[in-house]
Amino acid sequence: MNIQKLNVFISLVETRKMTDTAKSLGLSTPTVSFHIKSLENDYGIKLFRTNAGGYRLTDAGEMLYHYAKQLSQTNQALEKSVADYKNGEKGSLKLGASGVPAQLFMPELIHQLAERYPKVKVSLDVKTAPDIERRLLLQELDCGLIMETGNKEQDLLYEPITSDKIVLAFSKDHSFNGKISLEENDLYNQTLLVHRLSSSTGRFSQSWLQEKKLRMEMIQLDSVSTIIKMLSYGKAVALISKRLIEKEAHLSYIEFQNQDLERQIHFVYHRNLWISGPFQYFQELVRALKKELAQNVNRIG
């Protein structure tokens, strides 16, 4: 179906004059005549009666005008919706994040995104890094911030944003507070709070215990914020993000001299993702964050 032909037809119905239709649509009079004849040939019907008063519809023309008007209005609405979507006036952006970057970076990023695109529906799904990768592969999410998992999916693109280190954290009321190092014997009989074992931090905690051949009572928790809350009671320790603990004035930590404890935080999205305006702006925000974090590290260094 040719929308242009229908629009020429609608205009001629409403102006009743070939010259007025040509002028309003920026066409020549022969072109208008050609489109009307082509439309009559397409449907095999006569659309107009001509007389001194101009063009008047036949019964068949009345029927076609009724539906052509509806189609034209629907097409205009469609074009406007697509334009609004491209410009970020409509649509959605589905974000994902694993626990640490969700708490560290997502609130400010989402705030800035909403300031720029207030009509775009933004959602955030906080899961483990492998879960976010799986949902990105299925294109159920548009993009995400995750801790590195050690594996990179071929269909996903990974942009490193910053690094983070796992430290042993505890309350300032804990007996470890004030120490600059620990012996392995110090860890016996301690309760270790662990993010669920399907998370990257949880898997690391488990492998670390096995490597050190440590036997510690372990409590698995689904939420990083719950781990931080439980640390404040002073009875347990946790292997957790250094960046998170630095924000908690009531907690302290000890760093291990081990490069394996340093992990990258990645911005991840599907290589076949359609780049919308809101996504592009969110990507710019993430890259600006990366630059800011690097500058902070250089100032400290």
Protein backbone atom coordinates (compact mmCIF):
# COMPACT_ATOMS: atom_id res chain seq x y z
CA MET A 1 0.00 0.00 0.00
CA ASN A 2 1.39 3.40 -1.06
CA ILE A 3 0.85 6.00 1.66
CA GLN A 4 1.83 8.84 -0.67
CA LYS A 5 -0.97 7.94 -3.12
CA LEU A 6 -3.47 7.87 -0.27
CA ASN A 7 -2.28 11.26 1.02
CA VAL A 8 -2.69 12.77 -2.47
CA PHE A 9 -6.18 11.26 -2.64
CA ILE A 10 -7.12 12.61 0.82
CA SER A 11 -5.87 16.08 -0.07
CA LEU A 12 -7.84 16.15 -3.33
CA VAL A 13 -11.00 15.09 -1.48
CA GLU A 14 -10.54 17.94 0.99
CA THR A 15 -9.47 20.69 -1.46
CA ARG A 16 -11.60 19.51 -4.42
CA LYS A 17 -9.09 21.18 -6.73
CA MET A 18 -6.11 19.58 -8.45
CA THR A 19 -4.05 22.79 -8.35
CA ASP A 20 -4.62 23.33 -4.62
CA THR A 21 -3.63 19.74 -3.87
CA ALA A 22 -0.48 20.06 -5.97
CA LYS A 23 0.48 23.28 -4.19
CA SER A 24 -0.15 21.96 -0.67
CA LEU A 25 1.88 18.79 -1.29
CA GLY A 26 4.65 20.41 -3.31
CA LEU A 27 3.84 18.35 -6.41
CA SER A 28 3.07 19.17 -10.01
CA THR A 29 -0.52 18.92 -11.24
CA PRO A 30 0.35 16.03 -13.64
CA THR A 31 1.91 14.14 -10.71
CA VAL A 32 -1.28 14.51 -8.67
CA SER A 33 -3.33 13.29 -11.63
CA PHE A 34 -0.96 10.34 -12.09
CA HIS A 35 -1.32 9.27 -8.43
CA ILE A 36 -5.13 9.43 -8.57
CA LYS A 37 -5.29 7.36 -11.76
CA SER A 38 -2.79 4.89 -10.32
CA LEU A 39 -4.92 4.52 -7.18
CA GLU A 40 -8.05 3.90 -9.29
CA ASN A 41 -6.16 1.25 -11.25
CA ASP A 42 -4.90 -0.37 -8.03
CA TYR A 43 -8.45 -0.86 -6.71
CA GLY A 44 -10.33 -1.05 -10.01
CA ILE A 45 -12.84 1.62 -9.03
CA LYS A 46 -13.77 5.16 -10.02
CA LEU A 47 -13.03 7.58 -7.20
CA PHE A 48 -14.28 10.96 -8.39
CA ARG A 49 -16.95 12.66 -10.43
CA THR A 50 -15.75 15.90 -11.98
CA ASN A 51 -17.97 18.92 -12.58
CA ALA A 52 -17.78 22.69 -12.46
CA GLY A 53 -17.65 22.58 -8.66
CA GLY A 54 -14.49 20.48 -8.64
CA TYR A 55 -13.82 16.87 -7.69
CA ARG A 56 -16.60 15.02 -5.85
CA LEU A 57 -16.41 11.49 -4.51
CA THR A 58 -18.23 8.48 -5.89
CA ASP A 59 -19.74 6.02 -3.42
CA ALA A 60 -16.63 3.86 -3.78
CA GLY A 61 -14.52 6.97 -3.26
CA GLU A 62 -16.41 7.77 -0.03
CA MET A 63 -15.63 4.29 1.29
CA LEU A 64 -11.95 4.55 0.35
CA TYR A 65 -11.66 8.04 1.88
CA HIS A 66 -13.02 6.75 5.20
CA TYR A 67 -10.33 4.06 5.50
CA ALA A 68 -7.57 6.10 3.84
CA LYS A 69 -8.03 8.80 6.46
CA GLN A 70 -7.68 6.22 9.25
CA LEU A 71 -4.56 4.74 7.64
CA SER A 72 -3.01 8.17 7.18
CA GLN A 73 -3.62 9.10 10.81
CA THR A 74 -2.22 5.77 11.99
CA ASN A 75 0.85 6.24 9.80
CA GLN A 76 1.42 9.73 11.20
CA ALA A 77 1.13 8.39 14.75
CA LEU A 78 3.57 5.60 13.89
CA GLU A 79 6.12 8.01 12.42
CA LYS A 80 5.83 10.29 15.45
CA SER A 81 6.23 7.37 17.85
CA VAL A 82 9.34 6.15 16.02
CA ALA A 83 10.78 9.67 16.02
CA ASP A 84 9.99 10.06 19.73
CA TYR A 85 11.64 6.71 20.44
CA LYS A 86 14.78 7.70 18.54
CA ASN A 87 14.91 11.05 20.32
CA GLY A 88 14.32 9.47 23.73
CA GLU A 89 10.86 10.93 24.23
CA LYS A 90 9.46 7.40 24.58
CA GLY A 91 10.73 3.88 25.09
CA SER A 92 12.61 2.06 27.81
CA LEU A 93 16.11 1.18 28.91
CA LYS A 94 16.54 -2.08 30.80
CA LEU A 95 19.68 -2.06 32.92
CA GLY A 96 21.36 -4.84 34.85
CA ALA A 97 24.08 -4.83 37.49
CA SER A 98 25.79 -7.18 39.87
CA GLY A 99 25.80 -6.25 43.55
CA VAL A 100 28.89 -4.07 43.88
CA PRO A 101 28.50 -1.80 40.82
CA ALA A 102 24.75 -1.62 41.50
CA GLN A 103 25.46 0.05 44.84
CA LEU A 104 28.52 2.03 43.81
CA PHE A 105 27.51 3.55 40.50
CA MET A 106 23.96 2.84 39.36
CA PRO A 107 22.05 5.34 41.54
CA GLU A 108 23.93 8.36 40.18
CA LEU A 109 23.97 7.05 36.59
CA ILE A 110 20.21 6.41 36.62
CA HIS A 111 19.58 9.83 38.15
CA GLN A 112 21.53 11.55 35.36
CA LEU A 113 19.77 9.44 32.71
CA ALA A 114 16.34 10.33 34.10
CA GLU A 115 17.26 14.02 34.13
CA ARG A 116 18.05 13.87 30.42
CA TYR A 117 15.25 11.48 29.38
CA PRO A 118 12.39 11.89 31.90
CA LYS A 119 9.85 10.09 29.70
CA VAL A 120 11.95 6.97 29.16
CA LYS A 121 11.06 4.06 31.43
CA VAL A 122 14.23 2.89 33.18
CA SER A 123 14.47 -0.40 35.08
CA LEU A 124 17.35 -1.96 37.01
CA ASP A 125 17.73 -5.68 37.62
CA VAL A 126 20.30 -6.52 40.32
CA LYS A 127 21.55 -10.09 40.03
CA THR A 128 24.85 -11.95 40.06
CA ALA A 129 27.27 -11.19 37.23
CA PRO A 130 26.64 -14.55 35.48
CA ASP A 131 22.87 -13.94 35.65
CA ILE A 132 23.28 -10.48 34.09
CA GLU A 133 25.45 -11.93 31.32
CA ARG A 134 22.83 -14.58 30.59
CA ARG A 135 20.05 -12.00 30.34
CA LEU A 136 22.18 -9.79 28.11
CA LEU A 137 22.79 -12.75 25.79
CA LEU A 138 19.02 -13.29 25.57
CA GLN A 139 18.65 -9.51 24.99
CA GLU A 140 16.27 -9.28 27.94
CA LEU A 141 18.47 -6.42 29.16
CA ASP A 142 20.03 -3.59 27.16
CA CYS A 143 23.28 -3.23 29.09
CA GLY A 144 24.84 -3.81 32.47
CA LEU A 145 27.65 -3.12 34.91
CA ILE A 146 29.17 -6.29 36.33
CA MET A 147 32.21 -7.61 38.14
CA GLU A 148 34.36 -9.68 35.82
CA THR A 149 33.56 -13.38 35.96
CA GLY A 150 36.72 -14.76 34.34
CA ASN A 151 34.84 -15.67 31.17
CA LYS A 152 33.80 -13.44 28.29
CA GLU A 153 30.84 -14.32 26.11
CA GLN A 154 31.54 -14.03 22.38
CA ASP A 155 28.28 -12.19 21.63
CA LEU A 156 28.80 -9.58 24.35
CA LEU A 157 31.01 -6.50 24.27
CA TYR A 158 32.94 -5.67 27.44
CA GLU A 159 34.31 -2.22 28.29
CA PRO A 160 36.51 -2.10 31.42
CA ILE A 161 35.45 0.79 33.65
CA THR A 162 37.60 0.51 36.76
CA SER A 163 39.18 -2.05 39.04
CA ASP A 164 38.15 -3.13 42.50
CA LYS A 165 39.90 -5.20 45.12
CA ILE A 166 38.53 -7.76 47.52
CA VAL A 167 39.48 -7.10 51.13
CA LEU A 168 38.72 -8.71 54.46
CA ALA A 169 36.21 -6.40 56.14
CA PHE A 170 34.98 -6.22 59.73
CA SER A 171 33.50 -3.84 62.26
CA LYS A 172 35.66 -1.34 64.10
CA ASP A 173 34.46 -3.16 67.23
CA HIS A 174 35.99 -6.42 65.97
CA SER A 175 39.20 -7.77 67.49
CA PHE A 176 40.90 -7.43 64.08
CA ASN A 177 40.51 -3.65 64.08
CA GLY A 178 43.88 -1.90 64.19
CA LYS A 179 45.81 -4.83 62.77
CA ILE A 180 47.70 -4.32 59.51
CA SER A 181 48.08 -8.01 58.71
CA LEU A 182 46.70 -11.37 59.76
CA GLU A 183 48.03 -14.86 60.17
CA GLU A 184 45.92 -17.71 58.86
CA ASN A 185 45.50 -18.97 62.42
CA ASP A 186 43.73 -15.69 63.24
CA LEU A 187 40.90 -16.67 60.90
CA TYR A 188 40.01 -19.92 62.60
CA ASN A 189 36.73 -19.81 64.50
CA GLN A 190 35.68 -16.68 62.62
CA THR A 191 32.32 -16.46 60.86
CA LEU A 192 32.69 -15.50 57.20
CA LEU A 193 29.81 -13.69 55.51
CA VAL A 194 29.64 -14.61 51.84
CA HIS A 195 27.66 -13.22 48.94
CA ARG A 196 25.76 -16.12 47.34
CA LEU A 197 28.13 -18.64 45.79
CA SER A 198 26.74 -18.08 42.29
CA SER A 199 28.14 -14.52 42.40
CA SER A 200 31.70 -13.70 41.35
CA THR A 201 32.59 -12.62 44.91
CA GLY A 202 30.96 -15.73 46.36
CA ARG A 203 32.89 -18.03 44.04
CA PHE A 204 36.10 -16.25 44.91
CA SER A 205 35.42 -16.62 48.65
CA GLN A 206 34.87 -20.34 48.26
CA SER A 207 38.04 -20.87 46.21
CA TRP A 208 40.03 -18.70 48.61
CA LEU A 209 38.96 -20.84 51.56
CA GLN A 210 39.88 -24.00 49.68
CA GLU A 211 43.25 -22.61 48.63
CA LYS A 212 44.10 -21.55 52.18
CA LYS A 213 42.63 -24.79 53.55
CA LEU A 214 40.70 -22.75 56.06
CA ARG A 215 37.70 -24.05 57.93
CA MET A 216 35.40 -21.19 58.76
CA GLU A 217 31.72 -21.05 59.47
CA MET A 218 30.17 -19.54 56.36
CA ILE A 219 26.87 -17.66 56.05
CA GLN A 220 25.56 -17.04 52.52
CA LEU A 221 23.57 -13.87 51.93
CA ASP A 222 21.79 -12.62 48.82
CA SER A 223 22.45 -8.93 49.39
CA VAL A 224 25.69 -6.98 49.65
CA SER A 225 23.90 -4.39 51.78
CA THR A 226 22.85 -7.16 54.19
CA ILE A 227 26.48 -8.25 54.51
CA ILE A 228 27.50 -4.68 55.38
CA LYS A 229 24.70 -4.45 57.94
CA MET A 230 25.70 -7.73 59.61
CA LEU A 231 29.36 -6.68 59.74
CA SER A 232 28.33 -3.72 61.87
CA TYR A 233 27.36 -6.09 64.70
CA GLY A 234 31.06 -6.89 65.17
CA LYS A 235 30.79 -10.69 65.20
CA ALA A 236 31.77 -11.64 61.64
CA VAL A 237 34.15 -10.88 58.78
CA ALA A 238 33.58 -10.76 55.04
CA LEU A 239 35.50 -10.83 51.78
CA ILE A 240 34.01 -7.87 50.00
CA SER A 241 34.63 -4.90 47.70
CA LYS A 242 37.16 -2.37 48.96
CA ARG A 243 35.24 0.45 47.24
CA LEU A 244 32.10 -0.43 49.21
CA ILE A 245 33.84 -0.67 52.56
CA GLU A 246 35.63 2.65 52.09
CA LYS A 247 32.21 4.33 52.14
CA GLU A 248 31.30 2.77 55.51
CA ALA A 249 32.79 4.81 58.37
CA HIS A 250 31.90 2.17 60.98
CA LEU A 251 33.82 -0.61 59.18
CA SER A 252 37.48 -1.37 58.67
CA TYR A 253 39.44 -3.78 56.48
CA ILE A 254 42.75 -5.47 55.81
CA GLU A 255 44.19 -5.77 52.32
CA PHE A 256 45.86 -8.95 51.14
CA GLN A 257 49.06 -8.61 49.12
CA ASN A 258 47.70 -10.61 46.21
CA GLN A 259 47.06 -9.28 42.71
CA ASP A 260 44.53 -12.06 42.11
CA LEU A 261 42.18 -10.19 44.43
CA GLU A 262 41.88 -7.28 42.00
CA ARG A 263 38.97 -7.48 39.56
CA GLN A 264 37.65 -5.33 36.75
CA ILE A 265 34.18 -3.81 36.62
CA HIS A 266 32.85 -4.00 33.07
CA PHE A 267 30.18 -2.18 31.09
CA VAL A 268 28.58 -4.95 29.01
CA TYR A 269 26.06 -5.07 26.16
CA HIS A 270 25.12 -7.30 23.22
CA ARG A 271 27.11 -6.71 20.05
CA ASN A 272 23.85 -6.70 18.03
CA LEU A 273 22.07 -4.20 20.28
CA TRP A 274 20.22 -1.40 18.49
CA ILE A 275 21.77 1.85 19.72
CA SER A 276 18.94 4.10 20.90
CA GLY A 277 19.38 7.69 22.06
CA PRO A 278 18.96 6.81 25.77
CA PHE A 279 21.44 3.92 25.49
CA GLN A 280 23.99 6.13 23.76
CA TYR A 281 23.65 8.75 26.48
CA PHE A 282 23.95 6.12 29.23
CA GLN A 283 27.11 4.81 27.54
CA GLU A 284 28.51 8.36 27.53
CA LEU A 285 27.75 8.64 31.26
CA VAL A 286 29.58 5.37 31.96
CA ARG A 287 32.61 6.47 29.93
CA ALA A 288 32.66 9.81 31.75
CA LEU A 289 32.56 7.87 35.04
CA LYS A 290 35.50 5.76 33.86
CA LYS A 291 37.51 8.91 33.13
CA GLU A 292 36.63 10.43 36.50
CA LEU A 293 37.63 7.29 38.40
CA ALA A 294 40.95 7.11 36.55
CA GLN A 295 41.69 10.75 37.41
CA ASN A 296 40.92 10.06 41.08
CA VAL A 297 43.36 7.14 41.08
CA ASN A 298 46.07 9.31 39.49
CA ARG A 299 45.55 12.05 42.10
CA ILE A 300 45.84 9.52 44.93
CA GLY A 301 48.91 7.97 43.30
